[in-house]
């Protein structure tokens, strides 16, 4: 590292302009992702948390629309926006820096020359850092999405649903700040593993869709959208059981006899409910990931190209 701390062996990894662009592009991608995929995410969480209430994703969607209407399908949108903006701005900021570090360590001439595996490793490291910002907002989002059904199960039909701020205040009052990090182990496990396949799948798809003699920068919006959708499918298909356990831990909707730990709860769900329970909600997650992640990468790549 030089005196200014701006490069390793001449390769910049603390380029302020690049960091700002990555941060803004990630935030724009997060906003696009939420509005494109929030109803599907709500269905996913409800099926994960209340597997006995819904026969299918379509049944969950119809029942949510009948009982809660538009508000129900977009429950938790505020925290979801905070989650996605925080997650993706930090994620892509860290991803760019991790790419530069890996580029230096492996003596790669340019970041575009990194292999698919190297890009996947950069994404995984960036995701670990992002988990610290993600866990509290993910917790609030999941609790808001599951609030209506939890009130039904507790027979609190007339109780007014809590908003994001009131719910956050209640958690801090009752559990302290550490209460906002309930489910951190499962969140971190999901992010680190999932984003390895997410960024690996995205880079592999882009390379497959790049015509001979062209570069990834020459790809149009359709190819970027397809690559983003495939990246999302890679993410969810690789870590979905972990996400189910995370949702159960963060909403505390499981039977009181169930353990609270990540490994022990995973085993308890498998033993008592079968392997299918660990994949409850996979269909809406996969359906959601295509429009949501297509929108994410279109916004991200579009912002990158606008600045560059």
C-alpha atoms as a PDB file:
ATOM      1  CA  UNK A   1       0.000   0.000   0.000  1.00  0.00           C
ATOM      2  CA  UNK A   2       1.305   3.416  -0.852  1.00  0.00           C
ATOM      3  CA  UNK A   3       1.546   6.402   1.502  1.00  0.00           C
ATOM      4  CA  UNK A   4      -1.942   7.625   0.639  1.00  0.00           C
ATOM      5  CA  UNK A   5      -3.421   4.173   1.092  1.00  0.00           C
ATOM      6  CA  UNK A   6      -5.070   4.339  -2.311  1.00  0.00           C
ATOM      7  CA  UNK A   7      -3.569   1.349  -4.108  1.00  0.00           C
ATOM      8  CA  UNK A   8      -1.991  -2.033  -3.856  1.00  0.00           C
ATOM      9  CA  UNK A   9       0.785  -2.546  -6.414  1.00  0.00           C
ATOM     10  CA  UNK A  10      -0.584   0.363  -8.411  1.00  0.00           C
ATOM     11  CA  UNK A  11      -4.214  -0.838  -8.510  1.00  0.00           C
ATOM     12  CA  UNK A  12      -6.684   1.516  -6.918  1.00  0.00           C
ATOM     13  CA  UNK A  13      -9.086  -0.031  -4.447  1.00  0.00           C
ATOM     14  CA  UNK A  14     -10.138   3.089  -2.544  1.00  0.00           C
ATOM     15  CA  UNK A  15     -10.991   5.145  -5.615  1.00  0.00           C
ATOM     16  CA  UNK A  16     -13.494   7.626  -4.164  1.00  0.00           C
ATOM     17  CA  UNK A  17     -15.309   8.202  -7.437  1.00  0.00           C
ATOM     18  CA  UNK A  18     -15.695   4.461  -8.078  1.00  0.00           C
ATOM     19  CA  UNK A  19     -16.938   3.961  -4.515  1.00  0.00           C
ATOM     20  CA  UNK A  20     -19.576   6.676  -4.888  1.00  0.00           C
ATOM     21  CA  UNK A  21     -20.745   5.248  -8.218  1.00  0.00           C
ATOM     22  CA  UNK A  22     -20.978   1.717  -6.782  1.00  0.00           C
ATOM     23  CA  UNK A  23     -22.893   3.020  -3.756  1.00  0.00           C
ATOM     24  CA  UNK A  24     -25.436   5.000  -5.809  1.00  0.00           C
ATOM     25  CA  UNK A  25     -25.829   2.244  -8.389  1.00  0.00           C
ATOM     26  CA  UNK A  26     -26.446  -0.321  -5.651  1.00  0.00           C
ATOM     27  CA  UNK A  27     -29.040   1.923  -3.977  1.00  0.00           C
ATOM     28  CA  UNK A  28     -30.889   2.442  -7.269  1.00  0.00           C
ATOM     29  CA  UNK A  29     -30.820  -1.286  -7.878  1.00  0.00           C
ATOM     30  CA  UNK A  30     -32.286  -1.936  -4.426  1.00  0.00           C
ATOM     31  CA  UNK A  31     -35.184   0.472  -5.022  1.00  0.00           C
ATOM     32  CA  UNK A  32     -36.014  -1.135  -8.368  1.00  0.00           C
ATOM     33  CA  UNK A  33     -35.801  -4.603  -6.809  1.00  0.00           C
ATOM     34  CA  UNK A  34     -38.344  -3.800  -4.070  1.00  0.00           C
ATOM     35  CA  UNK A  35     -41.050  -2.342  -6.271  1.00  0.00           C
ATOM     36  CA  UNK A  36     -40.703  -5.161  -8.808  1.00  0.00           C
ATOM     37  CA  UNK A  37     -40.749  -8.019  -6.317  1.00  0.00           C
ATOM     38  CA  UNK A  38     -42.315  -7.067  -2.958  1.00  0.00           C
ATOM     39  CA  UNK A  39     -45.668  -8.919  -3.378  1.00  0.00           C
ATOM     40  CA  UNK A  40     -43.803 -12.127  -4.219  1.00  0.00           C
ATOM     41  CA  UNK A  41     -41.536 -11.654  -1.202  1.00  0.00           C
ATOM     42  CA  UNK A  42     -44.574 -11.245   1.064  1.00  0.00           C
ATOM     43  CA  UNK A  43     -46.056 -14.503  -0.237  1.00  0.00           C
ATOM     44  CA  UNK A  44     -42.698 -16.242   0.261  1.00  0.00           C
ATOM     45  CA  UNK A  45     -42.358 -15.130   3.885  1.00  0.00           C
ATOM     46  CA  UNK A  46     -45.955 -16.048   4.758  1.00  0.00           C
ATOM     47  CA  UNK A  47     -45.557 -19.531   3.306  1.00  0.00           C
ATOM     48  CA  UNK A  48     -42.284 -20.012   5.179  1.00  0.00           C
ATOM     49  CA  UNK A  49     -43.669 -18.841   8.494  1.00  0.00           C
ATOM     50  CA  UNK A  50     -47.179 -20.367   8.294  1.00  0.00           C
ATOM     51  CA  UNK A  51     -46.759 -23.513   6.149  1.00  0.00           C
ATOM     52  CA  UNK A  52     -50.056 -25.060   7.321  1.00  0.00           C
ATOM     53  CA  UNK A  53     -52.187 -22.028   6.354  1.00  0.00           C
ATOM     54  CA  UNK A  54     -51.577 -22.076   2.607  1.00  0.00           C
ATOM     55  CA  UNK A  55     -51.913 -24.812   0.007  1.00  0.00           C
ATOM     56  CA  UNK A  56     -49.871 -23.033  -2.645  1.00  0.00           C
ATOM     57  CA  UNK A  57     -48.352 -19.702  -3.583  1.00  0.00           C
ATOM     58  CA  UNK A  58     -51.471 -18.805  -5.561  1.00  0.00           C
ATOM     59  CA  UNK A  59     -53.681 -19.650  -2.564  1.00  0.00           C
ATOM     60  CA  UNK A  60     -51.515 -17.455  -0.330  1.00  0.00           C
ATOM     61  CA  UNK A  61     -51.664 -14.598  -2.830  1.00  0.00           C
ATOM     62  CA  UNK A  62     -55.458 -14.809  -3.184  1.00  0.00           C
ATOM     63  CA  UNK A  63     -56.052 -15.048   0.552  1.00  0.00           C
ATOM     64  CA  UNK A  64     -53.729 -12.139   1.288  1.00  0.00           C
ATOM     65  CA  UNK A  65     -55.479 -10.023  -1.341  1.00  0.00           C
ATOM     66  CA  UNK A  66     -58.917 -10.986   0.005  1.00  0.00           C
ATOM     67  CA  UNK A  67     -58.083 -10.300   3.653  1.00  0.00           C
ATOM     68  CA  UNK A  68     -55.523  -7.495   3.448  1.00  0.00           C
ATOM     69  CA  UNK A  69     -55.712  -6.139  -0.109  1.00  0.00           C
ATOM     70  CA  UNK A  70     -52.909  -4.025  -1.543  1.00  0.00           C
ATOM     71  CA  UNK A  71     -51.586  -3.132   1.895  1.00  0.00           C
ATOM     72  CA  UNK A  72     -51.104  -6.803   2.726  1.00  0.00           C
ATOM     73  CA  UNK A  73     -49.157  -7.617  -0.432  1.00  0.00           C
ATOM     74  CA  UNK A  74     -46.911  -4.612   0.092  1.00  0.00           C
ATOM     75  CA  UNK A  75     -46.615  -5.031   3.875  1.00  0.00           C
ATOM     76  CA  UNK A  76     -43.124  -4.191   5.001  1.00  0.00           C
ATOM     77  CA  UNK A  77     -42.343  -2.131   1.899  1.00  0.00           C
ATOM     78  CA  UNK A  78     -40.823   0.679   3.993  1.00  0.00           C
ATOM     79  CA  UNK A  79     -38.393  -1.626   5.816  1.00  0.00           C
ATOM     80  CA  UNK A  80     -37.877  -3.526   2.548  1.00  0.00           C
ATOM     81  CA  UNK A  81     -36.774  -0.302   0.872  1.00  0.00           C
ATOM     82  CA  UNK A  82     -34.466   0.470   3.775  1.00  0.00           C
ATOM     83  CA  UNK A  83     -33.241  -3.130   3.647  1.00  0.00           C
ATOM     84  CA  UNK A  84     -32.596  -3.205  -0.072  1.00  0.00           C
ATOM     85  CA  UNK A  85     -31.090   0.280  -0.275  1.00  0.00           C
ATOM     86  CA  UNK A  86     -28.814  -0.435   2.696  1.00  0.00           C
ATOM     87  CA  UNK A  87     -27.977  -3.952   1.535  1.00  0.00           C
ATOM     88  CA  UNK A  88     -27.335  -3.247  -2.131  1.00  0.00           C
ATOM     89  CA  UNK A  89     -25.550   0.084  -1.711  1.00  0.00           C
ATOM     90  CA  UNK A  90     -23.158  -1.450   0.832  1.00  0.00           C
ATOM     91  CA  UNK A  91     -23.041  -4.778  -1.024  1.00  0.00           C
ATOM     92  CA  UNK A  92     -22.037  -3.323  -4.386  1.00  0.00           C
ATOM     93  CA  UNK A  93     -19.703  -0.815  -2.721  1.00  0.00           C
ATOM     94  CA  UNK A  94     -17.917  -3.668  -0.929  1.00  0.00           C
ATOM     95  CA  UNK A  95     -18.139  -5.926  -3.990  1.00  0.00           C
ATOM     96  CA  UNK A  96     -16.218  -3.421  -6.101  1.00  0.00           C
ATOM     97  CA  UNK A  97     -13.558  -3.073  -3.423  1.00  0.00           C
ATOM     98  CA  UNK A  98     -13.294  -6.842  -2.923  1.00  0.00           C
ATOM     99  CA  UNK A  99     -12.895  -7.277  -6.691  1.00  0.00           C
ATOM    100  CA  UNK A 100      -9.989  -4.823  -6.629  1.00  0.00           C
ATOM    101  CA  UNK A 101      -8.322  -6.610  -3.715  1.00  0.00           C
ATOM    102  CA  UNK A 102      -8.680 -10.016  -5.399  1.00  0.00           C
ATOM    103  CA  UNK A 103      -7.419  -8.488  -8.639  1.00  0.00           C
ATOM    104  CA  UNK A 104      -4.292  -7.368  -6.791  1.00  0.00           C
ATOM    105  CA  UNK A 105      -3.738 -10.583  -4.833  1.00  0.00           C
ATOM    106  CA  UNK A 106      -3.936 -12.743  -7.954  1.00  0.00           C
ATOM    107  CA  UNK A 107      -2.074 -10.244 -10.179  1.00  0.00           C
ATOM    108  CA  UNK A 108      -4.927  -9.877 -12.663  1.00  0.00           C
ATOM    109  CA  UNK A 109      -4.369  -7.069 -15.172  1.00  0.00           C
ATOM    110  CA  UNK A 110      -7.934  -5.676 -15.052  1.00  0.00           C
ATOM    111  CA  UNK A 111     -11.034  -6.281 -12.952  1.00  0.00           C
ATOM    112  CA  UNK A 112     -12.909  -7.421 -16.061  1.00  0.00           C
ATOM    113  CA  UNK A 113     -10.388 -10.273 -16.364  1.00  0.00           C
ATOM    114  CA  UNK A 114     -11.379 -11.829 -13.015  1.00  0.00           C
ATOM    115  CA  UNK A 115     -12.687 -15.382 -13.331  1.00  0.00           C
ATOM    116  CA  UNK A 116     -16.246 -16.348 -12.440  1.00  0.00           C
ATOM    117  CA  UNK A 117     -14.951 -18.024  -9.273  1.00  0.00           C
ATOM    118  CA  UNK A 118     -12.986 -14.927  -8.259  1.00  0.00           C
ATOM    119  CA  UNK A 119     -16.048 -12.709  -8.780  1.00  0.00           C
ATOM    120  CA  UNK A 120     -18.126 -15.146  -6.726  1.00  0.00           C
ATOM    121  CA  UNK A 121     -15.591 -15.002  -3.872  1.00  0.00           C
ATOM    122  CA  UNK A 122     -15.642 -11.195  -3.973  1.00  0.00           C
ATOM    123  CA  UNK A 123     -19.442 -11.265  -3.694  1.00  0.00           C
ATOM    124  CA  UNK A 124     -19.328 -13.686  -0.780  1.00  0.00           C
ATOM    125  CA  UNK A 125     -16.878 -11.530   1.200  1.00  0.00           C
ATOM    126  CA  UNK A 126     -18.908  -8.397   0.469  1.00  0.00           C
ATOM    127  CA  UNK A 127     -22.076 -10.173   1.638  1.00  0.00           C
ATOM    128  CA  UNK A 128     -20.518 -10.989   5.020  1.00  0.00           C
ATOM    129  CA  UNK A 129     -19.872  -7.276   5.620  1.00  0.00           C
ATOM    130  CA  UNK A 130     -23.373  -6.389   4.426  1.00  0.00           C
ATOM    131  CA  UNK A 131     -25.014  -8.825   6.866  1.00  0.00           C
ATOM    132  CA  UNK A 132     -24.377  -6.446   9.781  1.00  0.00           C
ATOM    133  CA  UNK A 133     -26.492  -3.730   8.139  1.00  0.00           C
ATOM    134  CA  UNK A 134     -29.065  -6.139   6.722  1.00  0.00           C
ATOM    135  CA  UNK A 135     -30.149  -8.163   9.753  1.00  0.00           C
ATOM    136  CA  UNK A 136     -32.116  -5.463  11.691  1.00  0.00           C
ATOM    137  CA  UNK A 137     -34.086  -4.247   8.660  1.00  0.00           C
ATOM    138  CA  UNK A 138     -34.743  -7.805   7.493  1.00  0.00           C
ATOM    139  CA  UNK A 139     -36.076  -8.623  10.965  1.00  0.00           C
ATOM    140  CA  UNK A 140     -38.561  -5.729  10.907  1.00  0.00           C
ATOM    141  CA  UNK A 141     -39.661  -6.521   7.342  1.00  0.00           C
ATOM    142  CA  UNK A 142     -40.387 -10.171   8.143  1.00  0.00           C
ATOM    143  CA  UNK A 143     -42.287  -9.322  11.320  1.00  0.00           C
ATOM    144  CA  UNK A 144     -44.465  -6.810   9.474  1.00  0.00           C
ATOM    145  CA  UNK A 145     -45.191  -9.344   6.735  1.00  0.00           C
ATOM    146  CA  UNK A 146     -46.181 -12.001   9.282  1.00  0.00           C
ATOM    147  CA  UNK A 147     -48.002  -9.649  11.679  1.00  0.00           C
ATOM    148  CA  UNK A 148     -51.555 -10.263  10.441  1.00  0.00           C
ATOM    149  CA  UNK A 149     -51.292 -14.066  10.708  1.00  0.00           C
ATOM    150  CA  UNK A 150     -49.560 -13.891  14.082  1.00  0.00           C
ATOM    151  CA  UNK A 151     -52.457 -11.803  15.409  1.00  0.00           C
ATOM    152  CA  UNK A 152     -54.908 -14.396  14.078  1.00  0.00           C
ATOM    153  CA  UNK A 153     -53.056 -17.236  15.763  1.00  0.00           C
ATOM    154  CA  UNK A 154     -52.944 -15.273  19.022  1.00  0.00           C
ATOM    155  CA  UNK A 155     -56.613 -14.295  18.593  1.00  0.00           C
ATOM    156  CA  UNK A 156     -55.806 -10.570  18.645  1.00  0.00           C
ATOM    157  CA  UNK A 157     -58.211  -9.804  15.799  1.00  0.00           C
ATOM    158  CA  UNK A 158     -59.041  -6.264  16.864  1.00  0.00           C
ATOM    159  CA  UNK A 159     -55.498  -5.215  17.591  1.00  0.00           C
ATOM    160  CA  UNK A 160     -54.211  -2.471  15.308  1.00  0.00           C
ATOM    161  CA  UNK A 161     -51.153  -3.552  13.291  1.00  0.00           C
ATOM    162  CA  UNK A 162     -47.913  -1.918  14.352  1.00  0.00           C
ATOM    163  CA  UNK A 163     -45.913   0.259  11.992  1.00  0.00           C
ATOM    164  CA  UNK A 164     -42.213  -0.176  11.356  1.00  0.00           C
ATOM    165  CA  UNK A 165     -41.099   2.499  13.853  1.00  0.00           C
ATOM    166  CA  UNK A 166     -43.380   1.284  16.649  1.00  0.00           C
ATOM    167  CA  UNK A 167     -42.349  -2.320  16.084  1.00  0.00           C
ATOM    168  CA  UNK A 168     -38.676  -1.367  16.172  1.00  0.00           C
ATOM    169  CA  UNK A 169     -39.192   0.596  19.393  1.00  0.00           C
ATOM    170  CA  UNK A 170     -40.992  -2.362  21.002  1.00  0.00           C
ATOM    171  CA  UNK A 171     -38.161  -4.737  20.136  1.00  0.00           C
ATOM    172  CA  UNK A 172     -35.528  -2.387  21.554  1.00  0.00           C
ATOM    173  CA  UNK A 173     -37.604  -1.788  24.713  1.00  0.00           C
ATOM    174  CA  UNK A 174     -38.237  -5.478  25.358  1.00  0.00           C
ATOM    175  CA  UNK A 175     -34.983  -7.021  24.128  1.00  0.00           C
ATOM    176  CA  UNK A 176     -32.458  -4.229  23.816  1.00  0.00           C
ATOM    177  CA  UNK A 177     -30.449  -3.447  20.703  1.00  0.00           C
ATOM    178  CA  UNK A 178     -29.349  -7.076  20.477  1.00  0.00           C
ATOM    179  CA  UNK A 179     -32.972  -7.947  19.750  1.00  0.00           C
ATOM    180  CA  UNK A 180     -32.567  -6.362  16.324  1.00  0.00           C
ATOM    181  CA  UNK A 181     -29.914  -8.971  15.549  1.00  0.00           C
ATOM    182  CA  UNK A 182     -32.107 -11.970  16.198  1.00  0.00           C
ATOM    183  CA  UNK A 183     -31.349 -14.433  13.404  1.00  0.00           C
ATOM    184  CA  UNK A 184     -27.957 -12.941  12.562  1.00  0.00           C
ATOM    185  CA  UNK A 185     -26.280 -16.344  12.156  1.00  0.00           C
ATOM    186  CA  UNK A 186     -28.898 -17.525   9.681  1.00  0.00           C
ATOM    187  CA  UNK A 187     -28.871 -14.158   7.887  1.00  0.00           C
ATOM    188  CA  UNK A 188     -25.084 -14.217   7.550  1.00  0.00           C
ATOM    189  CA  UNK A 189     -25.098 -17.853   6.419  1.00  0.00           C
ATOM    190  CA  UNK A 190     -27.711 -17.074   3.769  1.00  0.00           C
ATOM    191  CA  UNK A 191     -25.903 -13.981   2.505  1.00  0.00           C
ATOM    192  CA  UNK A 192     -22.390 -15.421   2.329  1.00  0.00           C
ATOM    193  CA  UNK A 193     -23.455 -18.623   0.597  1.00  0.00           C
ATOM    194  CA  UNK A 194     -26.163 -17.077  -1.550  1.00  0.00           C
ATOM    195  CA  UNK A 195     -24.109 -14.220  -2.943  1.00  0.00           C
ATOM    196  CA  UNK A 196     -21.316 -16.574  -3.959  1.00  0.00           C
ATOM    197  CA  UNK A 197     -23.770 -18.162  -6.393  1.00  0.00           C
ATOM    198  CA  UNK A 198     -25.511 -14.842  -7.107  1.00  0.00           C
ATOM    199  CA  UNK A 199     -22.467 -13.020  -8.449  1.00  0.00           C
ATOM    200  CA  UNK A 200     -21.022 -16.190  -9.913  1.00  0.00           C
ATOM    201  CA  UNK A 201     -24.251 -16.868 -11.779  1.00  0.00           C
ATOM    202  CA  UNK A 202     -24.474 -13.280 -12.982  1.00  0.00           C
ATOM    203  CA  UNK A 203     -20.937 -13.190 -14.352  1.00  0.00           C
ATOM    204  CA  UNK A 204     -21.271 -16.632 -15.943  1.00  0.00           C
ATOM    205  CA  UNK A 205     -24.554 -15.656 -17.617  1.00  0.00           C
ATOM    206  CA  UNK A 206     -23.090 -12.399 -18.950  1.00  0.00           C
ATOM    207  CA  UNK A 207     -20.108 -14.221 -20.416  1.00  0.00           C
ATOM    208  CA  UNK A 208     -22.338 -16.828 -22.017  1.00  0.00           C
ATOM    209  CA  UNK A 209     -24.524 -14.108 -23.583  1.00  0.00           C
ATOM    210  CA  UNK A 210     -21.615 -11.947 -24.793  1.00  0.00           C
ATOM    211  CA  UNK A 211     -21.099 -12.377 -28.560  1.00  0.00           C
ATOM    212  CA  UNK A 212     -17.656 -13.281 -29.878  1.00  0.00           C
ATOM    213  CA  UNK A 213     -15.448 -10.214 -30.254  1.00  0.00           C
ATOM    214  CA  UNK A 214     -17.588  -8.180 -27.828  1.00  0.00           C
ATOM    215  CA  UNK A 215     -17.322  -7.399 -24.112  1.00  0.00           C
ATOM    216  CA  UNK A 216     -19.853  -7.464 -21.289  1.00  0.00           C
ATOM    217  CA  UNK A 217     -20.178  -3.675 -21.620  1.00  0.00           C
ATOM    218  CA  UNK A 218     -21.711  -4.227 -25.056  1.00  0.00           C
ATOM    219  CA  UNK A 219     -24.638  -6.236 -23.676  1.00  0.00           C
ATOM    220  CA  UNK A 220     -28.086  -4.693 -24.063  1.00  0.00           C
ATOM    221  CA  UNK A 221     -30.856  -4.425 -21.432  1.00  0.00           C
ATOM    222  CA  UNK A 222     -32.407  -7.783 -22.385  1.00  0.00           C
ATOM    223  CA  UNK A 223     -29.166  -9.679 -21.787  1.00  0.00           C
ATOM    224  CA  UNK A 224     -28.563  -7.794 -18.530  1.00  0.00           C
ATOM    225  CA  UNK A 225     -32.114  -8.551 -17.365  1.00  0.00           C
ATOM    226  CA  UNK A 226     -31.765 -12.258 -18.212  1.00  0.00           C
ATOM    227  CA  UNK A 227     -28.428 -12.444 -16.382  1.00  0.00           C
ATOM    228  CA  UNK A 228     -29.966 -10.715 -13.359  1.00  0.00           C
ATOM    229  CA  UNK A 229     -32.881 -13.138 -13.285  1.00  0.00           C
ATOM    230  CA  UNK A 230     -30.538 -16.123 -13.478  1.00  0.00           C
ATOM    231  CA  UNK A 231     -28.413 -14.633 -10.684  1.00  0.00           C
ATOM    232  CA  UNK A 232     -31.492 -14.406  -8.466  1.00  0.00           C
ATOM    233  CA  UNK A 233     -32.480 -17.991  -9.250  1.00  0.00           C
ATOM    234  CA  UNK A 234     -28.949 -19.137  -8.343  1.00  0.00           C
ATOM    235  CA  UNK A 235     -29.180 -17.271  -5.040  1.00  0.00           C
ATOM    236  CA  UNK A 236     -32.525 -18.667  -3.883  1.00  0.00           C
ATOM    237  CA  UNK A 237     -32.080 -22.221  -5.114  1.00  0.00           C
ATOM    238  CA  UNK A 238     -28.781 -22.461  -3.217  1.00  0.00           C
ATOM    239  CA  UNK A 239     -29.834 -21.086   0.187  1.00  0.00           C
ATOM    240  CA  UNK A 240     -33.613 -21.370   0.468  1.00  0.00           C
ATOM    241  CA  UNK A 241     -33.719 -23.732   3.501  1.00  0.00           C
ATOM    242  CA  UNK A 242     -31.494 -21.274   5.362  1.00  0.00           C
ATOM    243  CA  UNK A 243     -33.926 -18.476   4.511  1.00  0.00           C
ATOM    244  CA  UNK A 244     -36.850 -20.525   5.865  1.00  0.00           C
ATOM    245  CA  UNK A 245     -35.068 -21.007   9.183  1.00  0.00           C
ATOM    246  CA  UNK A 246     -34.149 -17.312   9.274  1.00  0.00           C
ATOM    247  CA  UNK A 247     -37.789 -16.305   8.776  1.00  0.00           C
ATOM    248  CA  UNK A 248     -38.930 -18.644  11.564  1.00  0.00           C
ATOM    249  CA  UNK A 249     -36.307 -17.317  13.973  1.00  0.00           C
ATOM    250  CA  UNK A 250     -36.994 -13.667  13.212  1.00  0.00           C
ATOM    251  CA  UNK A 251     -40.790 -13.942  13.500  1.00  0.00           C
ATOM    252  CA  UNK A 252     -40.773 -16.445  16.372  1.00  0.00           C
ATOM    253  CA  UNK A 253     -43.749 -18.121  14.765  1.00  0.00           C
ATOM    254  CA  UNK A 254     -42.622 -21.683  15.345  1.00  0.00           C
ATOM    255  CA  UNK A 255     -44.163 -23.945  17.971  1.00  0.00           C
ATOM    256  CA  UNK A 256     -42.926 -23.012  21.425  1.00  0.00           C
ATOM    257  CA  UNK A 257     -41.413 -26.488  21.714  1.00  0.00           C
ATOM    258  CA  UNK A 258     -39.117 -25.748  18.789  1.00  0.00           C
ATOM    259  CA  UNK A 259     -35.537 -24.698  19.621  1.00  0.00           C
ATOM    260  CA  UNK A 260     -34.325 -21.180  18.832  1.00  0.00           C
ATOM    261  CA  UNK A 261     -30.832 -21.946  17.515  1.00  0.00           C
ATOM    262  CA  UNK A 262     -30.088 -22.054  13.780  1.00  0.00           C
ATOM    263  CA  UNK A 263     -28.771 -25.626  13.547  1.00  0.00           C
ATOM    264  CA  UNK A 264     -31.174 -27.096  16.119  1.00  0.00           C
ATOM    265  CA  UNK A 265     -34.210 -25.380  14.556  1.00  0.00           C
ATOM    266  CA  UNK A 266     -33.213 -26.580  11.081  1.00  0.00           C
ATOM    267  CA  UNK A 267     -33.073 -30.151  12.366  1.00  0.00           C
ATOM    268  CA  UNK A 268     -36.356 -29.774  14.280  1.00  0.00           C
ATOM    269  CA  UNK A 269     -38.211 -28.508  11.193  1.00  0.00           C
ATOM    270  CA  UNK A 270     -36.795 -31.365   9.117  1.00  0.00           C
ATOM    271  CA  UNK A 271     -37.684 -33.986  11.733  1.00  0.00           C
ATOM    272  CA  UNK A 272     -41.200 -32.732  12.599  1.00  0.00           C
ATOM    273  CA  UNK A 273     -42.393 -31.290   9.279  1.00  0.00           C
ATOM    274  CA  UNK A 274     -40.283 -33.019   6.659  1.00  0.00           C
ATOM    275  CA  UNK A 275     -37.886 -31.758   4.011  1.00  0.00           C
ATOM    276  CA  UNK A 276     -40.725 -30.034   2.160  1.00  0.00           C
ATOM    277  CA  UNK A 277     -41.121 -27.479   4.965  1.00  0.00           C
ATOM    278  CA  UNK A 278     -37.597 -26.213   4.289  1.00  0.00           C
ATOM    279  CA  UNK A 279     -38.628 -25.395   0.715  1.00  0.00           C
ATOM    280  CA  UNK A 280     -42.026 -23.860   1.487  1.00  0.00           C
ATOM    281  CA  UNK A 281     -42.320 -20.632  -0.481  1.00  0.00           C
ATOM    282  CA  UNK A 282     -39.629 -21.535  -3.026  1.00  0.00           C
ATOM    283  CA  UNK A 283     -41.973 -21.048  -6.000  1.00  0.00           C
ATOM    284  CA  UNK A 284     -42.837 -17.386  -5.270  1.00  0.00           C
ATOM    285  CA  UNK A 285     -39.174 -16.762  -4.432  1.00  0.00           C
ATOM    286  CA  UNK A 286     -38.049 -18.081  -7.827  1.00  0.00           C
ATOM    287  CA  UNK A 287     -40.887 -16.263  -9.623  1.00  0.00           C
ATOM    288  CA  UNK A 288     -39.994 -13.048  -7.774  1.00  0.00           C
ATOM    289  CA  UNK A 289     -36.284 -13.275  -8.420  1.00  0.00           C
ATOM    290  CA  UNK A 290     -36.566 -12.825 -12.182  1.00  0.00           C
ATOM    291  CA  UNK A 291     -38.383  -9.467 -12.333  1.00  0.00           C
ATOM    292  CA  UNK A 292     -36.804  -8.245  -9.081  1.00  0.00           C
ATOM    293  CA  UNK A 293     -33.195  -9.013  -9.969  1.00  0.00           C
ATOM    294  CA  UNK A 294     -33.666  -8.079 -13.606  1.00  0.00           C
ATOM    295  CA  UNK A 295     -34.795  -4.659 -12.354  1.00  0.00           C
ATOM    296  CA  UNK A 296     -31.935  -4.558  -9.850  1.00  0.00           C
ATOM    297  CA  UNK A 297     -29.188  -5.129 -12.414  1.00  0.00           C
ATOM    298  CA  UNK A 298     -30.813  -2.934 -15.058  1.00  0.00           C
ATOM    299  CA  UNK A 299     -30.815  -0.073 -12.547  1.00  0.00           C
ATOM    300  CA  UNK A 300     -27.311  -0.932 -11.326  1.00  0.00           C
ATOM    301  CA  UNK A 301     -25.737  -1.300 -14.777  1.00  0.00           C
ATOM    302  CA  UNK A 302     -27.679   1.718 -16.073  1.00  0.00           C
ATOM    303  CA  UNK A 303     -26.367   3.907 -13.257  1.00  0.00           C
ATOM    304  CA  UNK A 304     -22.828   2.625 -13.802  1.00  0.00           C
ATOM    305  CA  UNK A 305     -22.953   3.424 -17.509  1.00  0.00           C
ATOM    306  CA  UNK A 306     -24.537   6.822 -16.880  1.00  0.00           C
ATOM    307  CA  UNK A 307     -21.648   7.892 -14.656  1.00  0.00           C
ATOM    308  CA  UNK A 308     -18.949   6.304 -16.782  1.00  0.00           C
END
